[in-house]
Amino acid sequence: MTSEVVIDVQQKEISIALLEDQKLVEYQTEPRSASFSVGNIYIAKVKKLMPGLNACFVDVGYERDAFLHYLDLGNQFSSYEKYLKQVQSDRKKLYPFSKATRLPDLKKEGSVQTTLKVGQEVLVQIVKEPISTKGPRLTAELSFAGRYLVLIPFNDKVSVSSKIKSGEERARLKQLIHSIKPKNCGVIVRTVAEGKRVAELDAELKVLNKRWEDALVKVQKTQQRPQMVFEETGRAVALLRDLFNPTYASIHVNNEDVFNEVKNYVSLIAPEKAGIVKLYTGKVPIFDNFNITKQIKSGFGKTVNYKHGAYLIIEHTEAMHVIDVNSGTRIKKEGGQEQNALETNLGAADEIARQLRLRDMGGIIVIDFIDMNLAEDRQMLYERMCKNMQQDRARHNILPLSKFGLMQITRQRVRPAMDVSVEETCPTCFGKGTIKSSILFTDQLESKIDNLVNKIGVKKFYLHVHPYVAAYINQGFMSLKRKWQMKYGLGVHVVSSQKMAFLQYEFYDAQREFIDMKEEIETK
C-alpha cells in the first residue's frame, strides 16, 4: 500500500488529504485564521466556579468559556501555581525552571472551591476543540508533543509506549531518557522512538524544552489575559507529525511557504525522506489533479454509495452517529438472501471504516447492518470491522453485533466531525429560482474580464469555471479563449475546476490570490 499526502493551501483555508492507493481515507480542512487548536496553551483567568460539577469555566478568548474539571488540574497543579507566581513576580529575569520546587500532589478527592478562586490566573492547554454548543475542554497538566517524545513539565516519570514490546529496548530507552531529560520534567517515549539513537532523541528533547521555556517567557512578559503562550504547529505539520511513516511515496503542496515548512519538518525527522516533499505548480487545481475533489463530493453527504448498488445512510445527532446499511439495487446471488446480506455487510464494513476516518466521526456510532441468521457470518463481519479499524489512529472500541443486528462503536472525539456540503447552491440566482439566460453567461464573463483588465489593471489572471463551461470556452481553433486573448492579452487563462458549480466562476491573480468580481446585484 502506498500513501500520499496532498495539501491544498487557499487564501482563506488549508485542506489536507491522505490517500492510500489513490483512495481518499482522511480529509481535514480549517480556516487559515483559526486560532483554536488542540495543544495550544493559554495563560487565562478563572471566570466561574461550578461546585456542583466540581469544575470551573475559564476565559480563553473564545465566545464560549472553556471547561476545566478538578480532575484535569493534574497532580502537580500546586507546583504550577507556585512557579507561576515566581515567574510573574519579576518581569525582567525569568526564574529558572530547574530551580522550581515540586509540591505534594493535589488530592484526588479535593474540591474546586478550595483549590481555585474567581479571577485566578491558570496555565491551561486545549485537549478538545469547541464542539457544537460546547466550548473547548481544558487541562492544566501541560504537555509538548514531538515525533518521538512527549515532554511533561513538573512530572518526573519516564514512560515508554506499551506498543514497544521488547523488554531490552524499553529498558534502553528508559535509561537513555533518564540520562538526558531536563530537571523537573517527565517524558513519554512514543512508539516510533524504537531503535532511535541518543542524538536524535536528545535533539528533539531540546526542541521541546525550548518550546516550554519560550512559553514561560511569554507568560512573564505579557500582561494581557487571556493570552496564547504556545501555539501548536500548523495543521499540515501537526498531521504529518502523527501520521508520517516511511511508506509515504510523496507529499504534494501547492504553496511555497507551506512547502518549505513541511520540507524543513521532514528534513528534521527523516532526512533521507526530504525528497518526497514536492511543490505542485500545475495549472489544474491540485485536488482536481489527484482526483480528490470528485472523491470528496461522492464521499460526503447523507447518502454514500459503495459496491454493486448498495448504499449507506449516515445521520448525525447531538448524542451519536447512526448508519443504516441498504442493499439498494444489488442483484441477488445464487447463495440466497443470507449470502447476499453477508456480502453487502462486508462491503459496508470496508466503507464505514473509511468513512469514520474520512469524516473524523467520534463519540458513539451505531450501525444497523442487514440481518444475518448465521452466527459465523456475524462473527466474520465483526472480525472484518476490527481489521479495517486497525488503520485508525483514534482510540476506539468495537462491540460484536447485538441480537437486533446493531454494531456499536465508540471512537475518540477531539474535534467536530467533518461536515462537507456536497449540494451546490445555484451560483447565479442564489436560491431565488430564476437566472439570466445561460447562453449569455460567456458574455457576462467577458464583461468581467474587460472590467478586470481595462479598469482594475490586472493583466494576468486565472478564470476558474466548471469543466463543461471550460470545454465550451476552449473548443475549436478560434476558440472563445483565443478571442479573449487577442482582445485582452495573453494573460487570460481559463482553468477547469471540479469544485465549481455549473454557472459559477472565480477569478485569481498571478499569485493565485482570489479576486472578488461579484456585483452587488448578483449577491442580493
Protein backbone atom coordinates (compact mmCIF):
# COMPACT_ATOMS: atom_id res chain seq x y z
CA MET A 1 0.00 0.00 0.00
CA THR A 2 1.36 3.42 -0.98
CA SER A 3 0.35 6.55 0.89
CA GLU A 4 0.34 10.10 -0.44
CA VAL A 5 -0.46 13.40 1.24
CA VAL A 6 -1.89 16.28 -0.78
CA ILE A 7 -2.04 19.75 0.81
CA ASP A 8 -4.23 22.41 -0.82
CA VAL A 9 -3.46 25.89 0.52
CA GLN A 10 -6.04 28.53 -0.36
CA GLN A 11 -6.24 32.17 0.69
CA LYS A 12 -8.81 31.52 3.44
CA GLU A 13 -8.34 27.83 4.28
CA ILE A 14 -5.96 24.91 4.19
CA SER A 15 -7.10 21.37 3.28
CA ILE A 16 -5.16 18.15 3.72
CA ALA A 17 -5.98 14.82 2.09
CA LEU A 18 -4.38 11.44 2.83
CA LEU A 19 -4.59 8.92 0.00
CA GLU A 20 -3.97 5.19 0.35
CA ASP A 21 -3.60 3.51 -3.04
CA GLN A 22 -5.10 6.70 -4.54
CA LYS A 23 -8.23 6.33 -2.39
CA LEU A 24 -9.15 9.21 -0.04
CA VAL A 25 -9.10 7.98 3.59
CA GLU A 26 -8.53 11.16 5.65
CA TYR A 27 -9.54 14.73 4.93
CA GLN A 28 -9.18 17.81 7.10
CA THR A 29 -9.87 21.43 6.33
CA GLU A 30 -9.82 24.51 8.50
CA PRO A 31 -9.67 28.31 8.08
CA ARG A 32 -6.13 29.66 7.95
CA SER A 33 -7.20 32.25 10.53
CA ALA A 34 -8.38 29.60 13.02
CA SER A 35 -6.69 30.23 16.34
CA PHE A 36 -8.11 27.31 18.32
CA SER A 37 -6.40 24.01 18.07
CA VAL A 38 -5.76 21.03 20.31
CA GLY A 39 -2.40 21.57 22.03
CA ASN A 40 -2.49 25.38 22.28
CA ILE A 41 -1.53 26.72 25.73
CA TYR A 42 -3.05 29.84 27.31
CA ILE A 43 -2.49 31.91 30.42
CA ALA A 44 -6.10 32.62 31.32
CA LYS A 45 -8.40 33.61 34.20
CA VAL A 46 -10.97 31.54 36.07
CA LYS A 47 -14.36 33.10 35.30
CA LYS A 48 -16.88 30.99 37.19
CA LEU A 49 -16.75 28.14 39.72
CA MET A 50 -19.27 25.28 39.43
CA PRO A 51 -19.16 23.37 42.78
CA GLY A 52 -21.96 21.00 41.67
CA LEU A 53 -19.81 19.81 38.73
CA ASN A 54 -16.56 20.17 40.70
CA ALA A 55 -15.30 22.22 37.76
CA CYS A 56 -14.87 25.79 36.56
CA PHE A 57 -15.22 27.85 33.41
CA VAL A 58 -12.12 29.64 32.12
CA ASP A 59 -11.98 32.59 29.73
CA VAL A 60 -9.52 31.74 26.93
CA GLY A 61 -10.83 34.35 24.49
CA TYR A 62 -13.44 32.15 22.80
CA GLU A 63 -17.12 33.14 22.55
CA ARG A 64 -17.97 30.31 24.96
CA ASP A 65 -15.91 29.85 28.11
CA ALA A 66 -13.74 26.74 28.26
CA PHE A 67 -14.45 23.90 30.70
CA LEU A 68 -11.85 22.74 33.27
CA HIS A 69 -12.71 19.88 35.62
CA TYR A 70 -10.99 19.50 39.00
CA LEU A 71 -9.52 16.13 37.98
CA ASP A 72 -7.98 17.80 34.89
CA LEU A 73 -5.93 20.16 37.09
CA GLY A 74 -3.35 17.35 37.32
CA ASN A 75 -1.35 16.07 40.26
CA GLN A 76 1.19 18.89 40.04
CA PHE A 77 -1.22 21.86 39.97
CA SER A 78 0.15 23.24 43.28
CA SER A 79 3.68 23.26 41.81
CA TYR A 80 2.45 25.09 38.68
CA GLU A 81 0.59 27.62 40.82
CA LYS A 82 3.64 28.45 42.94
CA TYR A 83 6.02 28.63 39.97
CA LEU A 84 3.58 30.84 38.01
CA LYS A 85 3.69 33.39 40.84
CA GLN A 86 7.52 33.27 40.85
CA VAL A 87 7.62 33.85 37.06
CA GLN A 88 5.22 36.80 37.22
CA SER A 89 6.92 38.41 40.21
CA ASP A 90 9.93 39.51 38.11
CA ARG A 91 9.23 40.88 34.61
CA LYS A 92 12.92 41.20 33.71
CA LYS A 93 14.60 37.99 34.82
CA LEU A 94 12.97 34.58 34.38
CA TYR A 95 13.04 32.39 37.47
CA PRO A 96 14.85 29.19 36.30
CA PHE A 97 12.53 26.23 35.88
CA SER A 98 15.25 23.86 37.09
CA LYS A 99 15.06 25.59 40.50
CA ALA A 100 11.28 25.29 40.76
CA THR A 101 10.13 23.35 43.82
CA ARG A 102 7.79 20.40 43.45
CA LEU A 103 4.97 20.45 45.98
CA PRO A 104 2.89 17.45 47.15
CA ASP A 105 0.37 16.03 44.68
CA LEU A 106 -3.14 17.50 44.54
CA LYS A 107 -5.71 15.37 46.40
CA LYS A 108 -7.94 13.40 44.01
CA GLU A 109 -10.98 13.78 46.26
CA GLY A 110 -10.47 17.56 46.63
CA SER A 111 -12.84 20.36 45.68
CA VAL A 112 -12.53 23.05 43.01
CA GLN A 113 -13.85 25.61 45.54
CA THR A 114 -10.91 25.15 47.88
CA THR A 115 -8.32 24.99 45.07
CA LEU A 116 -9.30 27.85 42.75
CA LYS A 117 -10.97 31.24 43.05
CA VAL A 118 -12.64 33.52 40.50
CA GLY A 119 -10.09 35.76 38.76
CA GLN A 120 -7.16 33.42 39.46
CA GLU A 121 -4.65 33.01 36.62
CA VAL A 122 -4.01 29.46 35.38
CA LEU A 123 -1.87 27.89 32.66
CA VAL A 124 -4.15 25.65 30.60
CA GLN A 125 -3.95 23.57 27.42
CA ILE A 126 -6.78 22.72 24.99
CA VAL A 127 -7.49 18.98 24.80
CA LYS A 128 -10.81 19.20 22.88
CA GLU A 129 -11.82 21.83 20.38
CA PRO A 130 -15.24 23.52 20.66
CA ILE A 131 -17.88 21.01 19.52
CA SER A 132 -21.48 22.02 18.78
CA THR A 133 -22.71 24.20 21.68
CA LYS A 134 -19.80 23.34 23.98
CA GLY A 135 -16.68 25.45 24.49
CA PRO A 136 -13.14 23.99 24.47
CA ARG A 137 -12.16 21.35 27.06
CA LEU A 138 -9.01 22.16 29.05
CA THR A 139 -6.33 20.52 31.16
CA ALA A 140 -3.79 22.12 33.48
CA GLU A 141 -1.40 19.20 33.03
CA LEU A 142 0.66 20.59 30.15
CA SER A 143 2.49 18.51 27.54
CA PHE A 144 4.61 19.24 24.46
CA ALA A 145 4.37 16.54 21.79
CA GLY A 146 7.14 15.75 19.33
CA ARG A 147 7.69 12.98 16.80
CA TYR A 148 9.47 10.61 19.23
CA LEU A 149 8.83 12.10 22.69
CA VAL A 150 6.27 14.00 24.75
CA LEU A 151 7.65 16.41 27.38
CA ILE A 152 5.58 16.90 30.56
CA PRO A 153 6.75 19.70 32.93
CA PHE A 154 6.57 19.01 36.72
CA ASN A 155 6.42 15.26 36.15
CA ASP A 156 9.49 13.19 36.96
CA LYS A 157 8.45 9.88 35.38
CA VAL A 158 9.75 8.34 32.16
CA SER A 159 7.12 6.19 30.46
CA VAL A 160 7.58 4.04 27.36
CA SER A 161 4.79 3.25 24.88
CA SER A 162 3.18 -0.13 25.59
CA LYS A 163 3.38 -0.90 21.85
CA ILE A 164 7.17 -1.32 22.23
CA LYS A 165 7.18 -4.99 23.28
CA SER A 166 10.92 -5.73 23.63
CA GLY A 167 11.90 -5.59 27.32
CA GLU A 168 15.51 -4.88 26.37
CA GLU A 169 14.55 -1.92 24.14
CA ARG A 170 12.20 -0.50 26.79
CA ALA A 171 14.97 -0.61 29.39
CA ARG A 172 17.44 1.02 26.95
CA LEU A 173 15.06 3.88 26.16
CA LYS A 174 14.18 4.46 29.82
CA GLN A 175 17.83 4.59 30.88
CA LEU A 176 18.73 6.81 27.93
CA ILE A 177 15.94 9.34 28.58
CA HIS A 178 16.72 9.47 32.32
CA SER A 179 20.28 10.50 31.44
CA ILE A 180 19.30 13.39 29.11
CA LYS A 181 15.96 14.74 30.34
CA PRO A 182 15.78 18.21 31.92
CA LYS A 183 15.21 18.54 35.67
CA ASN A 184 11.58 18.73 36.85
CA CYS A 185 10.31 17.20 33.60
CA GLY A 186 8.75 13.86 32.74
CA VAL A 187 8.91 12.21 29.31
CA ILE A 188 6.67 9.80 27.41
CA VAL A 189 8.54 7.80 24.76
CA ARG A 190 6.37 7.25 21.66
CA THR A 191 6.28 4.03 19.64
CA VAL A 192 8.26 5.47 16.70
CA ALA A 193 11.26 6.08 19.01
CA GLU A 194 12.02 2.35 18.96
CA GLY A 195 15.60 1.79 17.78
CA LYS A 196 16.44 5.52 17.58
CA ARG A 197 19.87 6.82 18.53
CA VAL A 198 20.51 9.05 21.55
CA ALA A 199 21.48 12.00 19.32
CA GLU A 200 18.06 12.04 17.61
CA LEU A 201 16.14 11.82 20.89
CA ASP A 202 18.35 14.40 22.59
CA ALA A 203 17.87 16.86 19.69
CA GLU A 204 14.08 16.56 19.89
CA LEU A 205 14.08 16.85 23.69
CA LYS A 206 15.99 20.14 23.42
CA VAL A 207 13.44 21.46 20.88
CA LEU A 208 10.53 20.54 23.19
CA ASN A 209 12.24 22.06 26.23
CA LYS A 210 12.84 25.27 24.24
CA ARG A 211 9.10 25.47 23.47
CA TRP A 212 8.34 25.24 27.20
CA GLU A 213 10.89 27.95 28.01
CA ASP A 214 9.52 30.23 25.26
CA ALA A 215 6.01 29.79 26.71
CA LEU A 216 7.29 30.82 30.14
CA VAL A 217 8.93 33.93 28.68
CA LYS A 218 5.58 34.93 27.15
CA VAL A 219 3.84 34.41 30.50
CA GLN A 220 6.48 36.57 32.19
CA LYS A 221 6.48 39.46 29.70
CA THR A 222 2.82 39.79 28.66
CA GLN A 223 0.16 41.29 30.90
CA GLN A 224 -2.84 40.78 28.63
CA ARG A 225 -5.18 37.99 29.76
CA PRO A 226 -6.18 35.63 28.22
CA GLN A 227 -3.01 35.24 26.18
CA MET A 228 -1.82 32.36 23.99
CA VAL A 229 1.69 31.43 25.11
CA PHE A 230 2.23 28.37 22.90
CA GLU A 231 0.68 27.56 19.55
CA GLU A 232 0.65 24.04 18.17
CA THR A 233 2.42 23.60 14.87
CA GLY A 234 0.38 24.31 11.74
CA ARG A 235 -2.26 21.81 10.67
CA ALA A 236 -0.07 20.47 7.87
CA VAL A 237 2.88 19.75 10.16
CA ALA A 238 0.69 18.55 13.06
CA LEU A 239 -0.99 15.96 10.82
CA LEU A 240 2.35 14.82 9.43
CA ARG A 241 3.84 14.54 12.91
CA ASP A 242 1.27 11.94 13.92
CA LEU A 243 0.88 10.23 10.55
CA PHE A 244 4.32 10.25 8.99
CA ASN A 245 5.82 6.88 8.20
CA PRO A 246 8.42 5.60 5.73
CA THR A 247 5.76 4.21 3.36
CA TYR A 248 4.86 7.71 2.15
CA ALA A 249 5.51 7.92 -1.56
CA SER A 250 5.08 11.70 -1.81
CA ILE A 251 3.77 14.85 -0.14
CA HIS A 252 2.42 17.41 -2.62
CA VAL A 253 1.94 21.07 -1.61
CA ASN A 254 0.69 23.93 -3.80
CA ASN A 255 2.03 26.79 -1.64
CA GLU A 256 5.73 27.66 -1.40
CA ASP A 257 5.66 28.82 2.26
CA VAL A 258 3.86 25.70 3.48
CA PHE A 259 6.09 23.58 1.19
CA ASN A 260 9.19 24.99 2.95
CA GLU A 261 7.59 24.46 6.37
CA VAL A 262 6.74 20.82 5.60
CA LYS A 263 10.12 20.14 3.94
CA ASN A 264 12.00 21.55 6.94
CA TYR A 265 9.98 19.36 9.28
CA VAL A 266 10.51 16.17 7.22
CA SER A 267 14.23 17.01 6.92
CA LEU A 268 14.37 17.24 10.71
CA ILE A 269 12.64 13.93 11.50
CA ALA A 270 13.64 11.84 8.46
CA PRO A 271 16.42 13.49 6.39
CA GLU A 272 16.51 10.61 3.90
CA LYS A 273 12.82 11.23 3.00
CA ALA A 274 13.09 15.00 2.41
CA GLY A 275 12.91 14.41 -1.36
CA ILE A 276 9.30 13.15 -1.19
CA VAL A 277 8.04 16.69 -0.43
CA LYS A 278 7.17 18.23 -3.79
CA LEU A 279 5.91 21.68 -4.77
CA TYR A 280 2.90 21.44 -7.10
CA THR A 281 2.94 24.09 -9.83
CA GLY A 282 0.36 22.71 -12.29
CA LYS A 283 -2.40 24.89 -13.73
CA VAL A 284 -5.18 22.45 -12.78
CA PRO A 285 -6.27 22.79 -9.09
CA ILE A 286 -4.21 20.36 -7.01
CA PHE A 287 -7.23 18.40 -5.67
CA ASP A 288 -8.61 18.00 -9.21
CA ASN A 289 -5.24 16.73 -10.42
CA PHE A 290 -5.22 13.91 -7.82
CA ASN A 291 -8.95 13.11 -8.26
CA ILE A 292 -9.68 14.25 -4.70
CA THR A 293 -12.47 16.76 -5.44
CA LYS A 294 -14.61 14.03 -7.01
CA GLN A 295 -13.97 11.69 -4.07
CA ILE A 296 -14.93 14.42 -1.58
CA LYS A 297 -18.20 15.09 -3.39
CA SER A 298 -19.05 11.38 -3.55
CA GLY A 299 -17.78 10.53 -0.05
CA PHE A 300 -19.68 13.13 1.98
CA GLY A 301 -23.38 13.80 2.26
CA LYS A 302 -26.24 11.84 3.81
CA THR A 303 -26.18 9.02 1.23
CA VAL A 304 -22.94 7.22 0.32
CA ASN A 305 -22.89 4.61 -2.47
CA TYR A 306 -20.47 1.69 -2.45
CA LYS A 307 -20.10 -1.68 -4.22
CA HIS A 308 -22.75 -3.08 -6.59
CA GLY A 309 -25.54 -0.57 -5.94
CA ALA A 310 -25.56 -0.85 -2.13
CA TYR A 311 -25.51 2.36 -0.10
CA LEU A 312 -25.23 3.82 3.41
CA ILE A 313 -27.47 6.44 5.06
CA ILE A 314 -25.42 8.45 7.60
CA GLU A 315 -27.27 10.60 10.14
CA HIS A 316 -25.72 12.78 12.84
CA THR A 317 -27.47 13.66 16.11
CA GLU A 318 -26.26 15.55 19.17
CA ALA A 319 -25.55 12.30 21.02
CA MET A 320 -24.39 9.88 18.31
CA HIS A 321 -23.93 8.99 14.65
CA VAL A 322 -26.34 6.47 13.13
CA ILE A 323 -25.51 4.49 9.97
CA ASP A 324 -28.04 2.37 8.08
CA VAL A 325 -26.86 -0.25 5.56
CA ASN A 326 -29.08 -0.81 2.49
CA SER A 327 -28.66 -3.38 -0.30
CA GLY A 328 -30.23 -0.98 -2.84
CA THR A 329 -30.27 -2.29 -6.41
CA ARG A 330 -27.82 -5.10 -5.64
CA ILE A 331 -28.59 -8.28 -7.68
CA LYS A 332 -29.20 -11.36 -5.54
CA LYS A 333 -26.56 -14.08 -5.65
CA GLU A 334 -27.07 -17.81 -6.04
CA GLY A 335 -26.35 -18.33 -2.36
CA GLY A 336 -29.67 -16.74 -1.45
CA GLN A 337 -30.58 -13.98 0.99
CA GLU A 338 -28.00 -14.94 3.65
CA GLN A 339 -25.06 -14.80 1.19
CA ASN A 340 -26.37 -11.56 -0.28
CA ALA A 341 -26.68 -9.98 3.19
CA LEU A 342 -23.17 -11.12 4.16
CA GLU A 343 -21.53 -9.66 1.05
CA THR A 344 -23.45 -6.38 1.39
CA ASN A 345 -22.47 -6.11 5.07
CA LEU A 346 -18.78 -6.90 4.44
CA GLY A 347 -18.66 -4.21 1.76
CA ALA A 348 -20.37 -1.81 4.19
CA ALA A 349 -17.76 -2.61 6.88
CA ASP A 350 -14.97 -1.59 4.48
CA GLU A 351 -16.73 1.68 3.55
CA ILE A 352 -17.78 2.55 7.13
CA ALA A 353 -14.21 2.17 8.46
CA ARG A 354 -13.10 4.59 5.71
CA GLN A 355 -15.97 6.99 6.46
CA LEU A 356 -15.11 7.16 10.17
CA ARG A 357 -11.57 8.30 9.33
CA LEU A 358 -12.66 10.50 6.44
CA ARG A 359 -15.29 12.43 8.42
CA ASP A 360 -13.41 12.10 11.74
CA MET A 361 -16.63 10.90 13.35
CA GLY A 362 -16.39 10.50 17.13
CA GLY A 363 -18.45 9.58 20.18
CA ILE A 364 -20.96 6.75 19.80
CA ILE A 365 -21.57 5.27 16.34
CA VAL A 366 -24.47 2.81 15.91
CA ILE A 367 -24.60 0.75 12.68
CA ASP A 368 -27.73 -1.07 11.54
CA PHE A 369 -26.46 -3.91 9.33
CA ILE A 370 -28.72 -6.15 7.26
CA ASP A 371 -29.95 -9.03 9.45
CA MET A 372 -27.98 -12.29 9.23
CA ASN A 373 -29.11 -15.61 10.70
CA LEU A 374 -25.80 -17.49 10.95
CA ALA A 375 -23.57 -16.82 13.98
CA GLU A 376 -20.40 -17.47 11.94
CA ASP A 377 -21.43 -14.76 9.45
CA ARG A 378 -21.96 -12.25 12.28
CA GLN A 379 -18.56 -13.15 13.71
CA MET A 380 -16.93 -12.75 10.26
CA LEU A 381 -18.45 -9.27 9.97
CA TYR A 382 -17.18 -8.28 13.44
CA GLU A 383 -13.65 -9.51 12.61
CA ARG A 384 -13.72 -7.65 9.27
CA MET A 385 -14.64 -4.38 11.01
CA CYS A 386 -11.91 -4.86 13.66
CA LYS A 387 -9.32 -5.49 10.92
CA ASN A 388 -10.41 -2.42 8.93
CA MET A 389 -10.23 -0.20 12.02
CA GLN A 390 -6.60 -1.17 12.74
CA GLN A 391 -5.51 1.64 10.38
CA ASP A 392 -7.39 4.21 12.51
CA ARG A 393 -5.19 6.34 14.77
CA ALA A 394 -8.07 7.46 17.04
CA ARG A 395 -8.75 5.31 20.11
CA HIS A 396 -11.83 3.17 19.52
CA ASN A 397 -13.78 0.22 20.88
CA ILE A 398 -15.96 -2.13 18.80
CA LEU A 399 -18.72 -4.38 20.19
CA PRO A 400 -19.99 -7.51 18.37
CA LEU A 401 -23.43 -7.37 16.78
CA SER A 402 -26.33 -7.30 19.22
CA LYS A 403 -29.37 -9.56 18.84
CA PHE A 404 -31.03 -6.71 16.92
CA GLY A 405 -28.23 -6.72 14.31
CA LEU A 406 -26.72 -3.44 15.61
CA MET A 407 -22.98 -2.82 15.98
CA GLN A 408 -21.82 -0.18 18.45
CA ILE A 409 -18.50 1.64 18.12
CA THR A 410 -17.04 4.31 20.36
CA ARG A 411 -14.36 6.48 18.77
CA GLN A 412 -12.28 9.22 20.36
CA ARG A 413 -13.72 12.65 19.64
CA VAL A 414 -11.20 15.53 19.76
CA ARG A 415 -12.63 17.94 17.17
CA PRO A 416 -16.00 18.32 15.42
CA ALA A 417 -16.82 15.75 12.72
CA MET A 418 -16.07 16.88 9.18
CA ASP A 419 -19.25 18.06 7.51
CA VAL A 420 -18.69 18.90 3.84
CA SER A 421 -21.77 20.08 1.98
CA VAL A 422 -21.92 18.33 -1.39
CA GLU A 423 -25.06 20.12 -2.52
CA GLU A 424 -24.39 23.18 -4.66
CA THR A 425 -26.24 26.49 -4.27
CA CYS A 426 -27.10 27.98 -7.64
CA PRO A 427 -24.27 30.48 -8.23
CA THR A 428 -26.37 32.83 -10.34
CA CYS A 429 -29.77 33.01 -8.60
CA PHE A 430 -28.52 32.31 -5.01
CA GLY A 431 -31.68 30.33 -4.23
CA LYS A 432 -34.22 32.71 -5.79
CA GLY A 433 -35.10 30.19 -8.52
CA THR A 434 -34.64 32.36 -11.61
CA ILE A 435 -31.42 33.03 -13.53
CA LYS A 436 -30.28 35.01 -16.52
CA SER A 437 -30.26 33.16 -19.81
CA SER A 438 -27.36 30.66 -19.68
CA ILE A 439 -26.42 31.49 -23.29
CA LEU A 440 -25.45 34.96 -22.02
CA PHE A 441 -23.09 33.53 -19.37
CA THR A 442 -19.97 33.89 -21.54
CA ASP A 443 -20.97 37.48 -22.33
CA GLN A 444 -21.15 38.11 -18.59
CA LEU A 445 -17.69 36.58 -18.14
CA GLU A 446 -16.28 38.77 -20.92
CA SER A 447 -17.63 41.93 -19.27
CA LYS A 448 -15.89 40.84 -16.03
CA ILE A 449 -12.62 40.30 -17.94
CA ASP A 450 -12.96 43.71 -19.61
CA ASN A 451 -13.51 45.33 -16.22
CA LEU A 452 -10.58 43.44 -14.70
CA VAL A 453 -8.10 44.29 -17.49
CA ASN A 454 -9.13 47.81 -18.51
CA LYS A 455 -10.44 49.30 -15.26
CA ILE A 456 -8.68 47.46 -12.44
CA GLY A 457 -5.46 46.89 -14.41
CA VAL A 458 -4.95 43.15 -13.75
CA LYS A 459 -3.28 41.86 -16.90
CA LYS A 460 -2.59 38.26 -15.85
CA PHE A 461 -5.29 36.19 -14.14
CA TYR A 462 -6.85 32.72 -13.94
CA LEU A 463 -10.59 32.20 -14.51
CA HIS A 464 -11.86 29.04 -12.75
CA VAL A 465 -15.07 27.59 -14.24
CA HIS A 466 -16.96 24.27 -14.32
CA PRO A 467 -15.31 21.64 -16.60
CA TYR A 468 -18.26 21.76 -19.07
CA VAL A 469 -18.00 25.55 -19.35
CA ALA A 470 -14.20 25.32 -19.71
CA ALA A 471 -14.60 22.81 -22.55
CA TYR A 472 -17.01 25.17 -24.32
CA ILE A 473 -14.67 28.17 -23.92
CA ASN A 474 -11.61 26.22 -25.10
CA GLN A 475 -13.18 24.33 -28.02
CA GLY A 476 -12.22 24.89 -31.66
CA PHE A 477 -9.29 26.52 -33.46
CA MET A 478 -10.61 30.05 -32.98
CA SER A 479 -11.96 29.35 -29.52
CA LEU A 480 -13.60 31.87 -27.22
CA LYS A 481 -10.46 31.80 -25.08
CA ARG A 482 -8.29 32.64 -28.12
CA LYS A 483 -10.58 35.58 -28.97
CA TRP A 484 -10.33 36.87 -25.40
CA GLN A 485 -6.53 36.58 -25.51
CA MET A 486 -6.38 38.55 -28.78
CA LYS A 487 -8.62 41.24 -27.29
CA TYR A 488 -7.35 41.44 -23.68
CA GLY A 489 -3.84 39.95 -23.84
CA LEU A 490 -2.17 36.58 -23.30
CA GLY A 491 -2.60 36.92 -19.53
CA VAL A 492 -6.10 35.41 -19.82
CA HIS A 493 -6.05 31.80 -18.53
CA VAL A 494 -9.13 29.55 -18.26
CA VAL A 495 -8.90 26.73 -15.69
CA SER A 496 -11.27 23.75 -15.44
CA SER A 497 -12.20 23.26 -11.76
CA GLN A 498 -14.35 20.41 -10.46
CA LYS A 499 -15.08 22.48 -7.34
CA MET A 500 -17.17 24.98 -9.34
CA ALA A 501 -20.95 24.65 -9.79
CA PHE A 502 -22.28 24.78 -13.36
CA LEU A 503 -22.55 28.57 -13.83
CA GLN A 504 -20.12 29.54 -11.09
CA TYR A 505 -16.83 31.32 -11.67
CA GLU A 506 -13.89 32.63 -9.66
CA PHE A 507 -11.00 34.91 -10.63
CA TYR A 508 -7.46 34.55 -9.24
CA ASP A 509 -4.48 36.84 -9.88
CA ALA A 510 -0.95 35.75 -10.90
CA GLN A 511 -0.10 34.99 -7.23
CA ARG A 512 -3.21 32.76 -7.04
CA GLU A 513 -4.95 35.24 -4.70
CA PHE A 514 -8.75 35.36 -5.00
CA ILE A 515 -10.27 38.41 -6.74
CA ASP A 516 -13.89 39.13 -5.81
CA MET A 517 -15.67 40.12 -9.05
CA LYS A 518 -19.24 39.57 -7.86
CA GLU A 519 -21.51 42.55 -8.45
CA GLU A 520 -23.95 43.74 -5.79
CA ILE A 521 -26.95 42.75 -7.92
CA GLU A 522 -25.65 39.15 -8.07
CA THR A 523 -25.45 38.67 -4.31
CA LYS A 524 -28.76 40.28 -3.30
